[in-house]
Amino acid sequence: MYKTTTLRLPEKLLKEINKFVEDGNLDRSSYLREIILKGFEVDKCERILAQYETGKLSLEEASQKLQVDIWKFLQILKDSNRNLNVSLEDLLGSSD
Protein backbone atom coordinates (compact mmCIF):
# COMPACT_ATOMS: atom_id res chain seq x y z
CA MET A 1 0.00 0.00 0.00
CA TYR A 2 1.32 3.40 -0.93
CA LYS A 3 1.16 6.44 1.36
CA THR A 4 1.34 10.01 0.16
CA THR A 5 4.27 12.18 1.21
CA THR A 6 5.46 15.60 0.16
CA LEU A 7 9.00 16.77 -0.44
CA ARG A 8 10.67 19.84 -1.83
CA LEU A 9 13.09 19.48 -4.71
CA PRO A 10 15.32 22.08 -6.30
CA GLU A 11 13.57 23.55 -9.33
CA LYS A 12 16.41 22.60 -11.66
CA LEU A 13 16.25 18.94 -10.57
CA LEU A 14 12.48 18.84 -10.96
CA LYS A 15 12.76 20.26 -14.48
CA GLU A 16 15.35 17.61 -15.37
CA ILE A 17 13.14 14.86 -13.96
CA ASN A 18 10.09 16.17 -15.83
CA LYS A 19 12.01 16.31 -19.11
CA PHE A 20 13.46 12.84 -18.56
CA VAL A 21 10.09 11.23 -17.85
CA GLU A 22 8.48 13.03 -20.80
CA ASP A 23 11.26 11.98 -23.18
CA GLY A 24 11.13 8.41 -21.88
CA ASN A 25 7.33 8.27 -21.87
CA LEU A 26 7.40 7.34 -18.17
CA ASP A 27 4.94 7.91 -15.34
CA ARG A 28 6.53 10.53 -13.07
CA SER A 29 5.18 9.14 -9.79
CA SER A 30 6.27 5.60 -10.60
CA TYR A 31 9.67 6.83 -11.72
CA LEU A 32 10.18 8.87 -8.54
CA ARG A 33 9.15 5.91 -6.37
CA GLU A 34 11.63 3.71 -8.22
CA ILE A 35 14.59 6.07 -7.89
CA ILE A 36 13.84 6.84 -4.24
CA LEU A 37 13.79 3.11 -3.49
CA LYS A 38 17.07 2.57 -5.37
CA GLY A 39 18.71 5.50 -3.61
CA PHE A 40 17.46 4.32 -0.23
CA GLU A 41 18.84 0.82 -0.77
CA VAL A 42 22.25 2.20 -1.79
CA ASP A 43 22.40 4.62 1.15
CA LYS A 44 21.22 1.98 3.62
CA CYS A 45 23.91 -0.43 2.40
CA GLU A 46 26.66 2.21 2.62
CA ARG A 47 25.68 3.18 6.15
CA ILE A 48 25.51 -0.42 7.33
CA LEU A 49 28.90 -1.14 5.75
CA ALA A 50 30.33 1.90 7.55
CA GLN A 51 28.90 0.69 10.87
CA TYR A 52 30.42 -2.73 10.23
CA GLU A 53 33.82 -1.21 9.39
CA THR A 54 33.88 0.81 12.60
CA GLY A 55 32.92 -2.22 14.68
CA LYS A 56 29.47 -0.95 15.62
CA LEU A 57 27.93 -3.98 13.92
CA SER A 58 29.14 -7.55 13.75
CA LEU A 59 29.23 -9.50 10.51
CA GLU A 60 26.01 -11.26 11.48
CA GLU A 61 24.25 -8.06 12.56
CA ALA A 62 25.19 -6.25 9.36
CA SER A 63 24.03 -9.12 7.15
CA GLN A 64 20.74 -9.28 9.06
CA LYS A 65 20.16 -5.54 8.67
CA LEU A 66 20.72 -5.89 4.92
CA GLN A 67 18.52 -9.00 4.90
CA VAL A 68 21.16 -11.10 3.16
CA ASP A 69 23.04 -14.21 4.24
CA ILE A 70 26.61 -13.88 5.48
CA TRP A 71 28.08 -15.12 2.18
CA LYS A 72 26.19 -12.43 0.25
CA PHE A 73 27.37 -9.82 2.77
CA LEU A 74 30.97 -10.93 2.26
CA GLN A 75 30.46 -10.52 -1.49
CA ILE A 76 29.06 -7.01 -0.92
CA LEU A 77 32.17 -6.19 1.13
CA LYS A 78 34.40 -7.48 -1.66
CA ASP A 79 32.47 -5.65 -4.39
CA SER A 80 32.73 -2.37 -2.48
CA ASN A 81 36.47 -2.87 -1.84
CA ARG A 82 36.00 -3.02 1.92
CA ASN A 83 37.84 -5.22 4.36
CA LEU A 84 36.65 -7.69 6.93
CA ASN A 85 36.41 -6.16 10.37
CA VAL A 86 38.83 -8.71 11.81
CA SER A 87 42.08 -7.93 13.59
CA LEU A 88 45.28 -9.93 13.39
CA GLU A 89 44.74 -10.90 17.04
CA ASP A 90 41.31 -12.29 16.15
CA LEU A 91 42.81 -14.39 13.38
CA LEU A 92 45.72 -15.61 15.49
CA GLY A 93 43.45 -16.31 18.44
CA SER A 94 41.10 -18.42 16.35
CA SER A 95 43.89 -20.80 15.33
CA ASP A 96 44.50 -22.02 18.90
C-alpha atoms as a PDB file:
ATOM      1  CA  MET A   1       0.000   0.000   0.000  1.00  0.00           C
ATOM      2  CA  TYR A   2       1.324   3.403  -0.929  1.00  0.00           C
ATOM      3  CA  LYS A   3       1.161   6.436   1.360  1.00  0.00           C
ATOM      4  CA  THR A   4       1.345  10.008   0.162  1.00  0.00           C
ATOM      5  CA  THR A   5       4.270  12.179   1.211  1.00  0.00           C
ATOM      6  CA  THR A   6       5.464  15.598   0.161  1.00  0.00           C
ATOM      7  CA  LEU A   7       8.998  16.774  -0.436  1.00  0.00           C
ATOM      8  CA  ARG A   8      10.670  19.843  -1.832  1.00  0.00           C
ATOM      9  CA  LEU A   9      13.091  19.484  -4.712  1.00  0.00           C
ATOM     10  CA  PRO A  10      15.324  22.079  -6.302  1.00  0.00           C
ATOM     11  CA  GLU A  11      13.567  23.555  -9.331  1.00  0.00           C
ATOM     12  CA  LYS A  12      16.413  22.597 -11.659  1.00  0.00           C
ATOM     13  CA  LEU A  13      16.250  18.942 -10.574  1.00  0.00           C
ATOM     14  CA  LEU A  14      12.484  18.841 -10.960  1.00  0.00           C
ATOM     15  CA  LYS A  15      12.760  20.263 -14.480  1.00  0.00           C
ATOM     16  CA  GLU A  16      15.348  17.612 -15.366  1.00  0.00           C
ATOM     17  CA  ILE A  17      13.136  14.864 -13.964  1.00  0.00           C
ATOM     18  CA  ASN A  18      10.091  16.167 -15.831  1.00  0.00           C
ATOM     19  CA  LYS A  19      12.008  16.315 -19.107  1.00  0.00           C
ATOM     20  CA  PHE A  20      13.461  12.842 -18.564  1.00  0.00           C
ATOM     21  CA  VAL A  21      10.087  11.227 -17.855  1.00  0.00           C
ATOM     22  CA  GLU A  22       8.478  13.032 -20.797  1.00  0.00           C
ATOM     23  CA  ASP A  23      11.261  11.976 -23.177  1.00  0.00           C
ATOM     24  CA  GLY A  24      11.132   8.410 -21.884  1.00  0.00           C
ATOM     25  CA  ASN A  25       7.334   8.271 -21.874  1.00  0.00           C
ATOM     26  CA  LEU A  26       7.399   7.343 -18.173  1.00  0.00           C
ATOM     27  CA  ASP A  27       4.944   7.907 -15.344  1.00  0.00           C
ATOM     28  CA  ARG A  28       6.525  10.526 -13.074  1.00  0.00           C
ATOM     29  CA  SER A  29       5.177   9.142  -9.793  1.00  0.00           C
ATOM     30  CA  SER A  30       6.272   5.597 -10.604  1.00  0.00           C
ATOM     31  CA  TYR A  31       9.674   6.830 -11.719  1.00  0.00           C
ATOM     32  CA  LEU A  32      10.179   8.874  -8.541  1.00  0.00           C
ATOM     33  CA  ARG A  33       9.151   5.911  -6.368  1.00  0.00           C
ATOM     34  CA  GLU A  34      11.630   3.713  -8.223  1.00  0.00           C
ATOM     35  CA  ILE A  35      14.592   6.075  -7.891  1.00  0.00           C
ATOM     36  CA  ILE A  36      13.840   6.838  -4.236  1.00  0.00           C
ATOM     37  CA  LEU A  37      13.788   3.110  -3.495  1.00  0.00           C
ATOM     38  CA  LYS A  38      17.067   2.565  -5.373  1.00  0.00           C
ATOM     39  CA  GLY A  39      18.709   5.500  -3.613  1.00  0.00           C
ATOM     40  CA  PHE A  40      17.459   4.322  -0.233  1.00  0.00           C
ATOM     41  CA  GLU A  41      18.840   0.818  -0.772  1.00  0.00           C
ATOM     42  CA  VAL A  42      22.254   2.196  -1.788  1.00  0.00           C
ATOM     43  CA  ASP A  43      22.398   4.621   1.146  1.00  0.00           C
ATOM     44  CA  LYS A  44      21.225   1.979   3.619  1.00  0.00           C
ATOM     45  CA  CYS A  45      23.906  -0.433   2.402  1.00  0.00           C
ATOM     46  CA  GLU A  46      26.659   2.209   2.618  1.00  0.00           C
ATOM     47  CA  ARG A  47      25.677   3.181   6.155  1.00  0.00           C
ATOM     48  CA  ILE A  48      25.510  -0.424   7.334  1.00  0.00           C
ATOM     49  CA  LEU A  49      28.904  -1.138   5.753  1.00  0.00           C
ATOM     50  CA  ALA A  50      30.334   1.904   7.550  1.00  0.00           C
ATOM     51  CA  GLN A  51      28.901   0.686  10.866  1.00  0.00           C
ATOM     52  CA  TYR A  52      30.417  -2.732  10.233  1.00  0.00           C
ATOM     53  CA  GLU A  53      33.817  -1.214   9.386  1.00  0.00           C
ATOM     54  CA  THR A  54      33.885   0.809  12.605  1.00  0.00           C
ATOM     55  CA  GLY A  55      32.922  -2.218  14.682  1.00  0.00           C
ATOM     56  CA  LYS A  56      29.470  -0.953  15.625  1.00  0.00           C
ATOM     57  CA  LEU A  57      27.935  -3.985  13.916  1.00  0.00           C
ATOM     58  CA  SER A  58      29.145  -7.551  13.749  1.00  0.00           C
ATOM     59  CA  LEU A  59      29.228  -9.504  10.507  1.00  0.00           C
ATOM     60  CA  GLU A  60      26.014 -11.263  11.479  1.00  0.00           C
ATOM     61  CA  GLU A  61      24.249  -8.055  12.562  1.00  0.00           C
ATOM     62  CA  ALA A  62      25.195  -6.249   9.356  1.00  0.00           C
ATOM     63  CA  SER A  63      24.034  -9.115   7.151  1.00  0.00           C
ATOM     64  CA  GLN A  64      20.738  -9.277   9.062  1.00  0.00           C
ATOM     65  CA  LYS A  65      20.161  -5.537   8.668  1.00  0.00           C
ATOM     66  CA  LEU A  66      20.724  -5.885   4.923  1.00  0.00           C
ATOM     67  CA  GLN A  67      18.519  -8.996   4.897  1.00  0.00           C
ATOM     68  CA  VAL A  68      21.164 -11.105   3.162  1.00  0.00           C
ATOM     69  CA  ASP A  69      23.043 -14.205   4.242  1.00  0.00           C
ATOM     70  CA  ILE A  70      26.610 -13.877   5.483  1.00  0.00           C
ATOM     71  CA  TRP A  71      28.076 -15.117   2.184  1.00  0.00           C
ATOM     72  CA  LYS A  72      26.192 -12.425   0.253  1.00  0.00           C
ATOM     73  CA  PHE A  73      27.366  -9.817   2.773  1.00  0.00           C
ATOM     74  CA  LEU A  74      30.970 -10.933   2.264  1.00  0.00           C
ATOM     75  CA  GLN A  75      30.455 -10.523  -1.489  1.00  0.00           C
ATOM     76  CA  ILE A  76      29.061  -7.012  -0.922  1.00  0.00           C
ATOM     77  CA  LEU A  77      32.172  -6.192   1.130  1.00  0.00           C
ATOM     78  CA  LYS A  78      34.399  -7.479  -1.658  1.00  0.00           C
ATOM     79  CA  ASP A  79      32.470  -5.650  -4.387  1.00  0.00           C
ATOM     80  CA  SER A  80      32.729  -2.369  -2.480  1.00  0.00           C
ATOM     81  CA  ASN A  81      36.473  -2.872  -1.837  1.00  0.00           C
ATOM     82  CA  ARG A  82      36.004  -3.017   1.918  1.00  0.00           C
ATOM     83  CA  ASN A  83      37.836  -5.219   4.361  1.00  0.00           C
ATOM     84  CA  LEU A  84      36.652  -7.688   6.930  1.00  0.00           C
ATOM     85  CA  ASN A  85      36.412  -6.155  10.375  1.00  0.00           C
ATOM     86  CA  VAL A  86      38.834  -8.715  11.807  1.00  0.00           C
ATOM     87  CA  SER A  87      42.078  -7.925  13.592  1.00  0.00           C
ATOM     88  CA  LEU A  88      45.279  -9.926  13.393  1.00  0.00           C
ATOM     89  CA  GLU A  89      44.744 -10.897  17.036  1.00  0.00           C
ATOM     90  CA  ASP A  90      41.310 -12.285  16.153  1.00  0.00           C
ATOM     91  CA  LEU A  91      42.811 -14.386  13.381  1.00  0.00           C
ATOM     92  CA  LEU A  92      45.720 -15.613  15.494  1.00  0.00           C
ATOM     93  CA  GLY A  93      43.450 -16.311  18.445  1.00  0.00           C
ATOM     94  CA  SER A  94      41.098 -18.423  16.353  1.00  0.00           C
ATOM     95  CA  SER A  95      43.889 -20.800  15.333  1.00  0.00           C
ATOM     96  CA  ASP A  96      44.497 -22.017  18.895  1.00  0.00           C
END
